[in-house]
Amino acid sequence: MTIWDVVVVGAGLSGLTAAQALRQAGYGVLVLDKSRGVGGRVATRRVGEVPVDHGCRFVQPAPGPNSTLMADGLAAGGLQPWTPLEFDLSDGDLLLPRAPSGLTTLLLAA
């Protein structure tokens, strides 16, 4: 019977990083996740042939005190514009593409 020293819940970026550090420190590690794959919020799934990101963090531009921070982030390359694909769930449980709303968000650059 295998016994683990540590059980990490979540195979996202933080969980995998923690598991790797613990393993390198000599601990027996088991990683559990609710999904079939790894990646958490940065994972990409497919709807038919279309890749769909679960969504790493983003911000939406709005007037206010943070607007210069966003402009500075764009100018420095730390943020980039992103226009997401939108889908509706039909009565038959199919994901159908929605007409673009024109909403643009700012995605943290990789």
N, C-alpha and C. Protein backbone atom coordinates (compact mmCIF):
# COMPACT_ATOMS: atom_id res chain seq x y z
N MET A 1 0.84 -1.18 0.00
CA MET A 1 0.00 0.00 0.00
C MET A 1 0.89 1.25 0.00
N THR A 2 0.55 2.21 -0.90
CA THR A 2 1.31 3.45 -0.99
C THR A 2 0.75 4.47 -0.01
N ILE A 3 1.62 5.12 0.69
CA ILE A 3 1.20 6.17 1.62
C ILE A 3 1.89 7.46 1.21
N TRP A 4 1.11 8.52 1.14
CA TRP A 4 1.65 9.81 0.75
C TRP A 4 1.85 10.66 2.00
N ASP A 5 2.88 11.48 1.93
CA ASP A 5 3.12 12.44 3.01
C ASP A 5 2.18 13.63 2.89
N VAL A 6 1.89 14.01 1.64
CA VAL A 6 1.09 15.21 1.39
C VAL A 6 0.11 14.92 0.26
N VAL A 7 -1.11 15.41 0.41
CA VAL A 7 -2.10 15.37 -0.66
C VAL A 7 -2.38 16.81 -1.07
N VAL A 8 -2.14 17.13 -2.34
CA VAL A 8 -2.39 18.47 -2.87
C VAL A 8 -3.72 18.41 -3.62
N VAL A 9 -4.65 19.28 -3.24
CA VAL A 9 -5.96 19.32 -3.90
C VAL A 9 -5.93 20.46 -4.91
N GLY A 10 -6.01 20.09 -6.18
CA GLY A 10 -6.01 21.07 -7.26
C GLY A 10 -4.77 20.94 -8.12
N ALA A 11 -4.98 20.66 -9.41
CA ALA A 11 -3.87 20.51 -10.35
C ALA A 11 -3.73 21.74 -11.24
N GLY A 12 -4.02 22.90 -10.65
CA GLY A 12 -3.77 24.16 -11.34
C GLY A 12 -2.31 24.55 -11.18
N LEU A 13 -1.99 25.73 -11.60
CA LEU A 13 -0.60 26.19 -11.57
C LEU A 13 -0.03 26.17 -10.15
N SER A 14 -0.80 26.63 -9.17
CA SER A 14 -0.31 26.66 -7.78
C SER A 14 -0.16 25.26 -7.21
N GLY A 15 -1.16 24.40 -7.45
CA GLY A 15 -1.11 23.05 -6.93
C GLY A 15 0.06 22.26 -7.50
N LEU A 16 0.28 22.38 -8.80
CA LEU A 16 1.38 21.66 -9.44
C LEU A 16 2.74 22.19 -8.98
N THR A 17 2.82 23.51 -8.79
CA THR A 17 4.07 24.10 -8.30
C THR A 17 4.37 23.62 -6.88
N ALA A 18 3.33 23.61 -6.04
CA ALA A 18 3.51 23.13 -4.66
C ALA A 18 3.91 21.66 -4.64
N ALA A 19 3.24 20.86 -5.47
CA ALA A 19 3.54 19.43 -5.52
C ALA A 19 4.98 19.19 -5.97
N GLN A 20 5.43 19.94 -6.95
CA GLN A 20 6.81 19.78 -7.43
C GLN A 20 7.81 20.15 -6.34
N ALA A 21 7.57 21.26 -5.65
CA ALA A 21 8.49 21.68 -4.59
C ALA A 21 8.52 20.65 -3.45
N LEU A 22 7.35 20.13 -3.09
CA LEU A 22 7.30 19.11 -2.04
C LEU A 22 8.01 17.84 -2.47
N ARG A 23 7.83 17.44 -3.71
CA ARG A 23 8.48 16.22 -4.22
C ARG A 23 10.00 16.39 -4.21
N GLN A 24 10.46 17.57 -4.65
CA GLN A 24 11.89 17.84 -4.66
C GLN A 24 12.47 17.87 -3.24
N ALA A 25 11.63 18.17 -2.26
CA ALA A 25 12.06 18.18 -0.86
C ALA A 25 12.03 16.77 -0.25
N GLY A 26 11.60 15.79 -1.06
CA GLY A 26 11.64 14.41 -0.60
C GLY A 26 10.34 13.84 -0.08
N TYR A 27 9.25 14.58 -0.20
CA TYR A 27 7.95 14.09 0.27
C TYR A 27 7.26 13.26 -0.81
N GLY A 28 6.47 12.28 -0.37
CA GLY A 28 5.60 11.55 -1.28
C GLY A 28 4.35 12.38 -1.48
N VAL A 29 4.00 12.70 -2.73
CA VAL A 29 2.92 13.64 -3.00
C VAL A 29 1.87 13.01 -3.92
N LEU A 30 0.60 13.20 -3.57
CA LEU A 30 -0.52 12.81 -4.41
C LEU A 30 -1.26 14.09 -4.78
N VAL A 31 -1.52 14.30 -6.09
CA VAL A 31 -2.27 15.46 -6.55
C VAL A 31 -3.64 15.00 -7.00
N LEU A 32 -4.68 15.63 -6.44
CA LEU A 32 -6.07 15.33 -6.82
C LEU A 32 -6.69 16.56 -7.48
N ASP A 33 -7.51 16.32 -8.50
CA ASP A 33 -8.22 17.42 -9.15
C ASP A 33 -9.57 16.93 -9.63
N LYS A 34 -10.54 17.81 -9.68
CA LYS A 34 -11.89 17.45 -10.11
C LYS A 34 -11.99 17.27 -11.62
N SER A 35 -11.03 17.82 -12.35
CA SER A 35 -11.07 17.74 -13.82
C SER A 35 -10.33 16.51 -14.33
N ARG A 36 -10.49 16.27 -15.62
CA ARG A 36 -9.79 15.13 -16.23
C ARG A 36 -8.35 15.45 -16.57
N GLY A 37 -8.01 16.73 -16.59
CA GLY A 37 -6.66 17.12 -16.95
C GLY A 37 -6.09 18.11 -15.95
N VAL A 38 -4.90 18.59 -16.25
CA VAL A 38 -4.24 19.56 -15.38
C VAL A 38 -4.36 20.96 -15.98
N GLY A 39 -4.06 21.95 -15.18
CA GLY A 39 -4.02 23.32 -15.68
C GLY A 39 -4.92 24.28 -14.95
N GLY A 40 -6.01 23.79 -14.38
CA GLY A 40 -6.90 24.68 -13.65
C GLY A 40 -7.42 25.81 -14.53
N ARG A 41 -7.27 27.05 -14.06
CA ARG A 41 -7.80 28.22 -14.78
C ARG A 41 -7.03 28.53 -16.06
N VAL A 42 -5.86 27.95 -16.27
CA VAL A 42 -5.13 28.21 -17.49
C VAL A 42 -5.26 27.05 -18.48
N ALA A 43 -6.15 26.10 -18.19
CA ALA A 43 -6.36 24.96 -19.09
C ALA A 43 -7.18 25.39 -20.30
N THR A 44 -7.00 24.70 -21.40
CA THR A 44 -7.78 24.92 -22.60
C THR A 44 -8.55 23.65 -22.91
N ARG A 45 -9.84 23.80 -23.12
CA ARG A 45 -10.70 22.69 -23.54
C ARG A 45 -11.14 22.97 -24.96
N ARG A 46 -11.81 22.02 -25.58
CA ARG A 46 -12.29 22.20 -26.95
C ARG A 46 -13.81 22.05 -26.99
N VAL A 47 -14.44 22.94 -27.75
CA VAL A 47 -15.87 22.82 -28.07
C VAL A 47 -15.88 22.56 -29.57
N GLY A 48 -16.04 21.30 -29.95
CA GLY A 48 -15.87 20.94 -31.36
C GLY A 48 -14.41 21.13 -31.70
N GLU A 49 -14.16 21.96 -32.70
CA GLU A 49 -12.79 22.26 -33.10
C GLU A 49 -12.27 23.57 -32.52
N VAL A 50 -13.10 24.24 -31.72
CA VAL A 50 -12.74 25.57 -31.20
C VAL A 50 -12.10 25.44 -29.83
N PRO A 51 -10.85 25.93 -29.65
CA PRO A 51 -10.25 25.92 -28.33
C PRO A 51 -10.91 26.98 -27.44
N VAL A 52 -11.24 26.60 -26.22
CA VAL A 52 -11.88 27.52 -25.27
C VAL A 52 -11.05 27.55 -24.00
N ASP A 53 -10.54 28.73 -23.67
CA ASP A 53 -9.77 28.87 -22.44
C ASP A 53 -10.73 28.99 -21.27
N HIS A 54 -10.38 28.33 -20.16
CA HIS A 54 -11.17 28.46 -18.95
C HIS A 54 -11.12 29.89 -18.45
N GLY A 55 -10.05 30.56 -18.72
CA GLY A 55 -9.97 31.96 -18.37
C GLY A 55 -8.97 32.28 -17.29
N CYS A 56 -7.76 32.60 -17.73
CA CYS A 56 -6.87 33.15 -16.73
C CYS A 56 -7.38 34.54 -16.41
N ARG A 57 -6.88 35.16 -15.42
CA ARG A 57 -7.43 36.42 -14.93
C ARG A 57 -7.33 37.53 -15.96
N PHE A 58 -8.38 38.35 -15.98
CA PHE A 58 -8.42 39.49 -16.88
C PHE A 58 -9.07 40.66 -16.17
N VAL A 59 -8.90 41.84 -16.75
CA VAL A 59 -9.54 43.05 -16.24
C VAL A 59 -10.27 43.73 -17.39
N GLN A 60 -11.33 44.41 -17.07
CA GLN A 60 -12.06 45.16 -18.08
C GLN A 60 -11.78 46.65 -17.88
N PRO A 61 -11.44 47.35 -18.97
CA PRO A 61 -11.16 48.78 -18.83
C PRO A 61 -12.40 49.53 -18.37
N ALA A 62 -12.22 50.44 -17.45
CA ALA A 62 -13.30 51.28 -16.96
C ALA A 62 -12.70 52.61 -16.52
N PRO A 63 -13.46 53.67 -16.66
CA PRO A 63 -12.92 54.96 -16.18
C PRO A 63 -12.73 54.93 -14.67
N GLY A 64 -11.72 55.58 -14.22
CA GLY A 64 -11.47 55.62 -12.78
C GLY A 64 -9.99 55.67 -12.50
N PRO A 65 -9.63 55.50 -11.23
CA PRO A 65 -8.22 55.65 -10.85
C PRO A 65 -7.30 54.60 -11.45
N ASN A 66 -7.83 53.44 -11.84
CA ASN A 66 -6.97 52.39 -12.41
C ASN A 66 -6.77 52.52 -13.91
N SER A 67 -7.44 53.47 -14.55
CA SER A 67 -7.35 53.56 -16.01
C SER A 67 -5.93 53.86 -16.47
N THR A 68 -5.16 54.65 -15.73
CA THR A 68 -3.77 54.90 -16.13
C THR A 68 -2.91 53.67 -15.92
N LEU A 69 -3.21 52.88 -14.87
CA LEU A 69 -2.47 51.62 -14.67
C LEU A 69 -2.67 50.69 -15.86
N MET A 70 -3.90 50.62 -16.36
CA MET A 70 -4.17 49.74 -17.51
C MET A 70 -3.47 50.26 -18.76
N ALA A 71 -3.50 51.57 -18.98
CA ALA A 71 -2.81 52.15 -20.13
C ALA A 71 -1.31 51.89 -20.04
N ASP A 72 -0.76 52.05 -18.85
CA ASP A 72 0.67 51.78 -18.65
C ASP A 72 0.98 50.30 -18.89
N GLY A 73 0.09 49.41 -18.42
CA GLY A 73 0.28 47.97 -18.64
C GLY A 73 0.25 47.60 -20.10
N LEU A 74 -0.65 48.23 -20.86
CA LEU A 74 -0.70 47.99 -22.32
C LEU A 74 0.59 48.48 -22.98
N ALA A 75 1.01 49.69 -22.62
CA ALA A 75 2.21 50.27 -23.23
C ALA A 75 3.45 49.44 -22.92
N ALA A 76 3.51 48.88 -21.71
CA ALA A 76 4.69 48.09 -21.31
C ALA A 76 4.63 46.64 -21.80
N GLY A 77 3.48 46.23 -22.34
CA GLY A 77 3.36 44.86 -22.83
C GLY A 77 2.95 43.87 -21.76
N GLY A 78 2.64 44.33 -20.55
CA GLY A 78 2.20 43.44 -19.49
C GLY A 78 0.74 43.05 -19.63
N LEU A 79 -0.03 43.84 -20.37
CA LEU A 79 -1.43 43.54 -20.68
C LEU A 79 -1.59 43.53 -22.18
N GLN A 80 -2.54 42.75 -22.66
CA GLN A 80 -2.84 42.77 -24.09
C GLN A 80 -4.35 42.67 -24.29
N PRO A 81 -4.86 43.32 -25.35
CA PRO A 81 -6.30 43.25 -25.61
C PRO A 81 -6.72 41.83 -25.95
N TRP A 82 -7.91 41.47 -25.55
CA TRP A 82 -8.45 40.14 -25.82
C TRP A 82 -9.95 40.26 -26.01
N THR A 83 -10.44 39.75 -27.12
CA THR A 83 -11.87 39.71 -27.38
C THR A 83 -12.30 38.25 -27.35
N PRO A 84 -13.01 37.86 -26.28
CA PRO A 84 -13.36 36.44 -26.12
C PRO A 84 -14.46 36.00 -27.07
N LEU A 85 -14.42 34.70 -27.44
CA LEU A 85 -15.54 34.10 -28.16
C LEU A 85 -16.65 33.84 -27.15
N GLU A 86 -17.88 34.07 -27.55
CA GLU A 86 -19.00 33.88 -26.65
C GLU A 86 -19.91 32.78 -27.19
N PHE A 87 -20.51 32.00 -26.27
CA PHE A 87 -21.38 30.89 -26.64
C PHE A 87 -22.65 30.93 -25.81
N ASP A 88 -23.72 30.39 -26.36
CA ASP A 88 -24.97 30.18 -25.64
C ASP A 88 -25.23 28.68 -25.57
N LEU A 89 -25.83 28.24 -24.49
CA LEU A 89 -26.22 26.85 -24.34
C LEU A 89 -27.65 26.69 -24.85
N SER A 90 -27.83 25.86 -25.87
CA SER A 90 -29.16 25.67 -26.46
C SER A 90 -30.01 24.75 -25.61
N ASP A 91 -31.30 24.68 -25.93
CA ASP A 91 -32.20 23.76 -25.22
C ASP A 91 -31.75 22.31 -25.39
N GLY A 92 -31.05 22.01 -26.49
CA GLY A 92 -30.55 20.66 -26.72
C GLY A 92 -29.17 20.43 -26.16
N ASP A 93 -28.74 21.29 -25.24
CA ASP A 93 -27.44 21.18 -24.58
C ASP A 93 -26.26 21.29 -25.54
N LEU A 94 -26.40 22.11 -26.57
CA LEU A 94 -25.31 22.37 -27.50
C LEU A 94 -24.79 23.78 -27.26
N LEU A 95 -23.48 23.96 -27.37
CA LEU A 95 -22.90 25.29 -27.29
C LEU A 95 -22.93 25.90 -28.68
N LEU A 96 -23.64 27.01 -28.82
CA LEU A 96 -23.77 27.69 -30.11
C LEU A 96 -23.06 29.03 -30.04
N PRO A 97 -22.26 29.35 -31.09
CA PRO A 97 -21.56 30.64 -31.08
C PRO A 97 -22.55 31.80 -31.03
N ARG A 98 -22.21 32.80 -30.25
CA ARG A 98 -23.02 34.01 -30.13
C ARG A 98 -22.37 35.10 -30.98
N ALA A 99 -23.18 35.99 -31.51
CA ALA A 99 -22.64 37.12 -32.27
C ALA A 99 -21.74 37.93 -31.34
N PRO A 100 -20.59 38.40 -31.83
CA PRO A 100 -19.67 39.15 -30.98
C PRO A 100 -20.34 40.38 -30.38
N SER A 101 -20.11 40.61 -29.09
CA SER A 101 -20.71 41.75 -28.41
C SER A 101 -19.85 43.00 -28.52
N GLY A 102 -18.62 42.81 -28.99
CA GLY A 102 -17.71 43.94 -29.08
C GLY A 102 -16.97 44.21 -27.78
N LEU A 103 -17.24 43.40 -26.75
CA LEU A 103 -16.57 43.57 -25.46
C LEU A 103 -15.11 43.17 -25.59
N THR A 104 -14.23 44.04 -25.21
CA THR A 104 -12.81 43.72 -25.19
C THR A 104 -12.32 43.83 -23.76
N THR A 105 -11.55 42.86 -23.34
CA THR A 105 -10.97 42.88 -22.01
C THR A 105 -9.47 42.95 -22.14
N LEU A 106 -8.79 43.09 -21.02
CA LEU A 106 -7.34 43.10 -21.02
C LEU A 106 -6.86 41.85 -20.32
N LEU A 107 -6.06 41.09 -21.01
CA LEU A 107 -5.55 39.82 -20.51
C LEU A 107 -4.12 40.02 -20.04
N LEU A 108 -3.80 39.43 -18.89
CA LEU A 108 -2.42 39.48 -18.41
C LEU A 108 -1.53 38.75 -19.39
N ALA A 109 -0.51 39.40 -19.89
CA ALA A 109 0.38 38.79 -20.87
C ALA A 109 1.18 37.68 -20.24
N ALA A 110 1.40 36.63 -21.02
CA ALA A 110 2.15 35.48 -20.52
C ALA A 110 3.63 35.76 -20.53
